[in-house]
């Protein structure tokens, strides 16, 4: 049987290309859900403190294990924290009438169960431009003490690293194995020809 000298190179090139595509494409496919829109939108300046927080995600968050919290960035006060309503990709938290805030910067920290089954924690921000005479006040039965603000902020900085995903690591390892196996096959064939 005669084997073309170009065949091993083509096989190796194909193995390398498939391995590289697997490594590059896998993190995108397995990334946790992220916020792609909302009301107020991330970084938006609004005239009045919102009565409802809406977050639109890239995937379909799962029910349970979800929390949304609003914090005044200037004072560090946690204004409200509660379990949101999930409808498709939209996560909504209605704020009680006695929870309000004046001009300033606010953080919307959230924790959801992503469509990939992993907990996702992050945050968005918005600014109230409004009238300078109103001030943020944590009130209502669900208002939490200031000490819990740190926990909410830590939650917002949670681990959403793709590298910690065992499926990604397994696929990357398989791709690397394929590249190494292809190189070994090529080396053995070249050695046998000599």
C-alpha atoms as a PDB file:
ATOM      1  CA  UNK A   1       0.000   0.000   0.000  1.00  0.00           C
ATOM      2  CA  UNK A   2       1.390   3.364  -1.036  1.00  0.00           C
ATOM      3  CA  UNK A   3       0.598   6.338   1.214  1.00  0.00           C
ATOM      4  CA  UNK A   4       0.892   9.810  -0.207  1.00  0.00           C
ATOM      5  CA  UNK A   5       3.487  11.919   1.664  1.00  0.00           C
ATOM      6  CA  UNK A   6       0.914  14.727   1.841  1.00  0.00           C
ATOM      7  CA  UNK A   7      -1.654  12.564   3.697  1.00  0.00           C
ATOM      8  CA  UNK A   8       0.005  12.663   7.155  1.00  0.00           C
ATOM      9  CA  UNK A   9       0.361  16.447   6.894  1.00  0.00           C
ATOM     10  CA  UNK A  10      -3.290  16.809   5.962  1.00  0.00           C
ATOM     11  CA  UNK A  11      -4.316  14.542   8.841  1.00  0.00           C
ATOM     12  CA  UNK A  12      -2.188  16.532  11.266  1.00  0.00           C
ATOM     13  CA  UNK A  13      -3.535  19.842   9.939  1.00  0.00           C
ATOM     14  CA  UNK A  14      -7.112  18.577  10.316  1.00  0.00           C
ATOM     15  CA  UNK A  15      -6.491  17.337  13.868  1.00  0.00           C
ATOM     16  CA  UNK A  16      -4.883  20.656  14.833  1.00  0.00           C
ATOM     17  CA  UNK A  17      -7.723  22.668  13.262  1.00  0.00           C
ATOM     18  CA  UNK A  18     -10.432  20.610  14.975  1.00  0.00           C
ATOM     19  CA  UNK A  19      -8.609  20.832  18.301  1.00  0.00           C
ATOM     20  CA  UNK A  20      -8.219  24.608  18.013  1.00  0.00           C
ATOM     21  CA  UNK A  21     -11.872  25.085  17.048  1.00  0.00           C
ATOM     22  CA  UNK A  22     -12.972  22.937  19.979  1.00  0.00           C
ATOM     23  CA  UNK A  23     -10.930  24.967  22.450  1.00  0.00           C
ATOM     24  CA  UNK A  24     -12.068  28.301  20.998  1.00  0.00           C
ATOM     25  CA  UNK A  25     -15.772  27.472  20.538  1.00  0.00           C
ATOM     26  CA  UNK A  26     -16.418  25.551  23.750  1.00  0.00           C
ATOM     27  CA  UNK A  27     -16.201  28.484  26.216  1.00  0.00           C
ATOM     28  CA  UNK A  28     -18.739  30.455  24.174  1.00  0.00           C
ATOM     29  CA  UNK A  29     -21.197  27.575  24.147  1.00  0.00           C
ATOM     30  CA  UNK A  30     -20.812  26.826  27.860  1.00  0.00           C
ATOM     31  CA  UNK A  31     -20.553  30.358  29.236  1.00  0.00           C
ATOM     32  CA  UNK A  32     -22.911  31.286  32.065  1.00  0.00           C
ATOM     33  CA  UNK A  33     -25.920  33.454  31.289  1.00  0.00           C
ATOM     34  CA  UNK A  34     -25.149  37.162  31.345  1.00  0.00           C
ATOM     35  CA  UNK A  35     -27.225  40.327  31.406  1.00  0.00           C
ATOM     36  CA  UNK A  36     -27.896  41.620  27.880  1.00  0.00           C
ATOM     37  CA  UNK A  37     -30.484  44.286  28.736  1.00  0.00           C
ATOM     38  CA  UNK A  38     -32.665  45.639  31.459  1.00  0.00           C
ATOM     39  CA  UNK A  39     -34.691  48.449  32.912  1.00  0.00           C
ATOM     40  CA  UNK A  40     -32.857  50.424  34.065  1.00  0.00           C
ATOM     41  CA  UNK A  41     -30.113  49.283  31.701  1.00  0.00           C
ATOM     42  CA  UNK A  42     -26.597  48.775  33.023  1.00  0.00           C
ATOM     43  CA  UNK A  43     -24.979  52.208  33.427  1.00  0.00           C
ATOM     44  CA  UNK A  44     -28.187  54.085  32.551  1.00  0.00           C
ATOM     45  CA  UNK A  45     -28.993  57.480  34.064  1.00  0.00           C
ATOM     46  CA  UNK A  46     -32.673  57.758  35.058  1.00  0.00           C
ATOM     47  CA  UNK A  47     -34.649  60.733  36.368  1.00  0.00           C
ATOM     48  CA  UNK A  48     -36.536  58.856  39.109  1.00  0.00           C
ATOM     49  CA  UNK A  49     -35.800  55.879  41.324  1.00  0.00           C
ATOM     50  CA  UNK A  50     -37.347  52.809  39.619  1.00  0.00           C
ATOM     51  CA  UNK A  51     -40.318  50.935  41.079  1.00  0.00           C
ATOM     52  CA  UNK A  52     -39.264  47.732  39.315  1.00  0.00           C
ATOM     53  CA  UNK A  53     -35.920  46.203  38.359  1.00  0.00           C
ATOM     54  CA  UNK A  54     -35.821  44.132  35.162  1.00  0.00           C
ATOM     55  CA  UNK A  55     -32.816  42.147  33.973  1.00  0.00           C
ATOM     56  CA  UNK A  56     -32.784  40.381  30.597  1.00  0.00           C
ATOM     57  CA  UNK A  57     -30.370  37.454  30.342  1.00  0.00           C
ATOM     58  CA  UNK A  58     -28.657  35.783  27.392  1.00  0.00           C
ATOM     59  CA  UNK A  59     -30.129  32.409  28.384  1.00  0.00           C
ATOM     60  CA  UNK A  60     -33.105  31.112  30.315  1.00  0.00           C
ATOM     61  CA  UNK A  61     -32.431  31.355  34.063  1.00  0.00           C
ATOM     62  CA  UNK A  62     -33.859  28.464  36.074  1.00  0.00           C
ATOM     63  CA  UNK A  63     -36.346  28.847  38.918  1.00  0.00           C
ATOM     64  CA  UNK A  64     -35.051  28.873  42.485  1.00  0.00           C
ATOM     65  CA  UNK A  65     -31.836  30.101  44.073  1.00  0.00           C
ATOM     66  CA  UNK A  66     -32.359  33.615  42.669  1.00  0.00           C
ATOM     67  CA  UNK A  67     -31.924  36.905  44.506  1.00  0.00           C
ATOM     68  CA  UNK A  68     -31.793  40.530  43.407  1.00  0.00           C
ATOM     69  CA  UNK A  69     -30.560  43.272  45.753  1.00  0.00           C
ATOM     70  CA  UNK A  70     -30.286  47.043  45.383  1.00  0.00           C
ATOM     71  CA  UNK A  71     -27.506  48.909  47.167  1.00  0.00           C
ATOM     72  CA  UNK A  72     -26.805  52.642  47.444  1.00  0.00           C
ATOM     73  CA  UNK A  73     -23.167  52.940  46.320  1.00  0.00           C
ATOM     74  CA  UNK A  74     -22.519  56.168  48.237  1.00  0.00           C
ATOM     75  CA  UNK A  75     -23.749  55.055  51.666  1.00  0.00           C
ATOM     76  CA  UNK A  76     -23.300  51.293  51.245  1.00  0.00           C
ATOM     77  CA  UNK A  77     -26.890  50.766  52.465  1.00  0.00           C
ATOM     78  CA  UNK A  78     -28.767  47.740  51.210  1.00  0.00           C
ATOM     79  CA  UNK A  79     -32.113  49.213  50.174  1.00  0.00           C
ATOM     80  CA  UNK A  80     -33.935  46.014  49.295  1.00  0.00           C
ATOM     81  CA  UNK A  81     -33.290  42.354  48.611  1.00  0.00           C
ATOM     82  CA  UNK A  82     -35.788  39.793  47.396  1.00  0.00           C
ATOM     83  CA  UNK A  83     -36.582  36.822  45.223  1.00  0.00           C
ATOM     84  CA  UNK A  84     -37.364  37.931  41.673  1.00  0.00           C
ATOM     85  CA  UNK A  85     -39.978  36.657  39.234  1.00  0.00           C
ATOM     86  CA  UNK A  86     -38.545  34.725  36.269  1.00  0.00           C
ATOM     87  CA  UNK A  87     -40.374  34.786  32.945  1.00  0.00           C
ATOM     88  CA  UNK A  88     -38.279  33.327  30.136  1.00  0.00           C
ATOM     89  CA  UNK A  89     -35.106  35.408  29.902  1.00  0.00           C
ATOM     90  CA  UNK A  90     -36.571  38.248  31.996  1.00  0.00           C
ATOM     91  CA  UNK A  91     -35.888  38.452  35.746  1.00  0.00           C
ATOM     92  CA  UNK A  92     -38.076  41.040  37.515  1.00  0.00           C
ATOM     93  CA  UNK A  93     -38.098  42.429  41.059  1.00  0.00           C
ATOM     94  CA  UNK A  94     -40.952  44.745  42.098  1.00  0.00           C
ATOM     95  CA  UNK A  95     -39.915  47.208  44.792  1.00  0.00           C
ATOM     96  CA  UNK A  96     -42.225  48.034  47.717  1.00  0.00           C
ATOM     97  CA  UNK A  97     -43.620  51.585  47.793  1.00  0.00           C
ATOM     98  CA  UNK A  98     -41.599  52.459  50.914  1.00  0.00           C
ATOM     99  CA  UNK A  99     -38.244  51.636  49.229  1.00  0.00           C
ATOM    100  CA  UNK A 100     -36.925  54.715  47.472  1.00  0.00           C
ATOM    101  CA  UNK A 101     -33.724  56.472  46.634  1.00  0.00           C
ATOM    102  CA  UNK A 102     -32.651  59.938  45.628  1.00  0.00           C
ATOM    103  CA  UNK A 103     -29.950  61.121  43.276  1.00  0.00           C
ATOM    104  CA  UNK A 104     -26.882  58.928  43.281  1.00  0.00           C
ATOM    105  CA  UNK A 105     -25.384  55.700  42.080  1.00  0.00           C
ATOM    106  CA  UNK A 106     -26.957  52.293  42.741  1.00  0.00           C
ATOM    107  CA  UNK A 107     -25.868  48.701  42.290  1.00  0.00           C
ATOM    108  CA  UNK A 108     -28.236  45.899  41.338  1.00  0.00           C
ATOM    109  CA  UNK A 109     -26.554  42.730  42.550  1.00  0.00           C
ATOM    110  CA  UNK A 110     -28.026  39.434  41.432  1.00  0.00           C
ATOM    111  CA  UNK A 111     -27.602  35.717  41.817  1.00  0.00           C
ATOM    112  CA  UNK A 112     -29.399  33.396  39.409  1.00  0.00           C
ATOM    113  CA  UNK A 113     -29.246  29.765  38.414  1.00  0.00           C
ATOM    114  CA  UNK A 114     -28.031  29.907  34.802  1.00  0.00           C
ATOM    115  CA  UNK A 115     -29.473  27.757  32.050  1.00  0.00           C
ATOM    116  CA  UNK A 116     -26.228  25.716  32.233  1.00  0.00           C
ATOM    117  CA  UNK A 117     -27.077  24.802  35.852  1.00  0.00           C
ATOM    118  CA  UNK A 118     -24.392  26.959  37.491  1.00  0.00           C
ATOM    119  CA  UNK A 119     -24.962  29.826  39.906  1.00  0.00           C
ATOM    120  CA  UNK A 120     -24.165  33.153  38.284  1.00  0.00           C
ATOM    121  CA  UNK A 121     -23.442  36.218  40.394  1.00  0.00           C
ATOM    122  CA  UNK A 122     -22.792  39.678  39.067  1.00  0.00           C
ATOM    123  CA  UNK A 123     -24.149  43.215  39.136  1.00  0.00           C
ATOM    124  CA  UNK A 124     -25.347  46.106  37.055  1.00  0.00           C
ATOM    125  CA  UNK A 125     -25.440  49.774  37.984  1.00  0.00           C
ATOM    126  CA  UNK A 126     -27.660  52.760  37.369  1.00  0.00           C
ATOM    127  CA  UNK A 127     -27.672  56.421  38.386  1.00  0.00           C
ATOM    128  CA  UNK A 128     -30.625  58.530  39.514  1.00  0.00           C
ATOM    129  CA  UNK A 129     -30.152  62.115  38.289  1.00  0.00           C
ATOM    130  CA  UNK A 130     -33.422  63.509  39.792  1.00  0.00           C
ATOM    131  CA  UNK A 131     -33.952  66.104  42.508  1.00  0.00           C
ATOM    132  CA  UNK A 132     -31.031  66.540  44.926  1.00  0.00           C
ATOM    133  CA  UNK A 133     -33.322  66.909  47.987  1.00  0.00           C
ATOM    134  CA  UNK A 134     -34.357  63.259  48.235  1.00  0.00           C
ATOM    135  CA  UNK A 135     -32.030  60.731  49.837  1.00  0.00           C
ATOM    136  CA  UNK A 136     -31.813  56.961  49.729  1.00  0.00           C
ATOM    137  CA  UNK A 137     -33.566  55.253  52.613  1.00  0.00           C
ATOM    138  CA  UNK A 138     -33.500  51.560  53.415  1.00  0.00           C
ATOM    139  CA  UNK A 139     -36.997  50.879  54.695  1.00  0.00           C
ATOM    140  CA  UNK A 140     -39.641  48.189  54.794  1.00  0.00           C
ATOM    141  CA  UNK A 141     -39.833  44.730  56.251  1.00  0.00           C
ATOM    142  CA  UNK A 142     -37.294  43.398  53.767  1.00  0.00           C
ATOM    143  CA  UNK A 143     -34.638  46.083  54.390  1.00  0.00           C
ATOM    144  CA  UNK A 144     -31.441  44.505  55.631  1.00  0.00           C
ATOM    145  CA  UNK A 145     -28.825  45.925  58.019  1.00  0.00           C
ATOM    146  CA  UNK A 146     -25.733  47.569  56.560  1.00  0.00           C
ATOM    147  CA  UNK A 147     -23.512  44.629  57.591  1.00  0.00           C
ATOM    148  CA  UNK A 148     -25.115  42.518  54.861  1.00  0.00           C
ATOM    149  CA  UNK A 149     -24.023  44.951  52.153  1.00  0.00           C
ATOM    150  CA  UNK A 150     -20.600  43.322  52.035  1.00  0.00           C
ATOM    151  CA  UNK A 151     -22.187  39.928  51.408  1.00  0.00           C
ATOM    152  CA  UNK A 152     -24.226  41.328  48.521  1.00  0.00           C
ATOM    153  CA  UNK A 153     -21.161  42.996  47.036  1.00  0.00           C
ATOM    154  CA  UNK A 154     -19.156  39.778  47.410  1.00  0.00           C
ATOM    155  CA  UNK A 155     -22.006  37.900  45.733  1.00  0.00           C
ATOM    156  CA  UNK A 156     -21.854  40.357  42.839  1.00  0.00           C
ATOM    157  CA  UNK A 157     -18.179  39.530  42.377  1.00  0.00           C
ATOM    158  CA  UNK A 158     -18.738  35.746  42.317  1.00  0.00           C
ATOM    159  CA  UNK A 159     -16.843  33.256  40.253  1.00  0.00           C
ATOM    160  CA  UNK A 160     -18.115  33.135  36.696  1.00  0.00           C
ATOM    161  CA  UNK A 161     -14.815  31.844  35.342  1.00  0.00           C
ATOM    162  CA  UNK A 162     -15.138  29.569  32.330  1.00  0.00           C
ATOM    163  CA  UNK A 163     -11.838  27.902  33.241  1.00  0.00           C
ATOM    164  CA  UNK A 164     -13.418  26.456  36.406  1.00  0.00           C
ATOM    165  CA  UNK A 165     -16.049  24.644  34.330  1.00  0.00           C
ATOM    166  CA  UNK A 166     -15.162  20.903  34.309  1.00  0.00           C
ATOM    167  CA  UNK A 167     -16.787  20.323  30.906  1.00  0.00           C
ATOM    168  CA  UNK A 168     -14.613  23.007  29.299  1.00  0.00           C
ATOM    169  CA  UNK A 169     -11.504  21.545  30.901  1.00  0.00           C
ATOM    170  CA  UNK A 170     -12.440  18.037  29.728  1.00  0.00           C
ATOM    171  CA  UNK A 171     -13.049  19.166  26.140  1.00  0.00           C
ATOM    172  CA  UNK A 172      -9.841  21.203  26.107  1.00  0.00           C
ATOM    173  CA  UNK A 173      -7.952  18.150  27.391  1.00  0.00           C
ATOM    174  CA  UNK A 174      -9.485  15.955  24.676  1.00  0.00           C
ATOM    175  CA  UNK A 175      -8.536  18.514  22.015  1.00  0.00           C
ATOM    176  CA  UNK A 176      -4.971  18.628  23.309  1.00  0.00           C
ATOM    177  CA  UNK A 177      -4.869  14.819  23.379  1.00  0.00           C
ATOM    178  CA  UNK A 178      -6.028  14.765  19.735  1.00  0.00           C
ATOM    179  CA  UNK A 179      -3.294  17.161  18.692  1.00  0.00           C
ATOM    180  CA  UNK A 180      -0.632  15.136  20.516  1.00  0.00           C
ATOM    181  CA  UNK A 181      -1.967  11.850  19.093  1.00  0.00           C
ATOM    182  CA  UNK A 182      -1.896  13.300  15.573  1.00  0.00           C
ATOM    183  CA  UNK A 183       1.676  14.472  16.024  1.00  0.00           C
ATOM    184  CA  UNK A 184       2.729  11.014  17.290  1.00  0.00           C
ATOM    185  CA  UNK A 185       1.051   9.270  14.333  1.00  0.00           C
ATOM    186  CA  UNK A 186       2.815  11.619  11.933  1.00  0.00           C
ATOM    187  CA  UNK A 187       6.192  11.076  13.615  1.00  0.00           C
ATOM    188  CA  UNK A 188       5.806   7.272  13.561  1.00  0.00           C
ATOM    189  CA  UNK A 189       4.840   7.240   9.882  1.00  0.00           C
ATOM    190  CA  UNK A 190       7.778   9.462   8.951  1.00  0.00           C
ATOM    191  CA  UNK A 191      10.158   7.253  10.953  1.00  0.00           C
ATOM    192  CA  UNK A 192       8.830   4.058   9.297  1.00  0.00           C
ATOM    193  CA  UNK A 193       9.476   5.482   5.822  1.00  0.00           C
ATOM    194  CA  UNK A 194      13.176   5.997   6.526  1.00  0.00           C
END
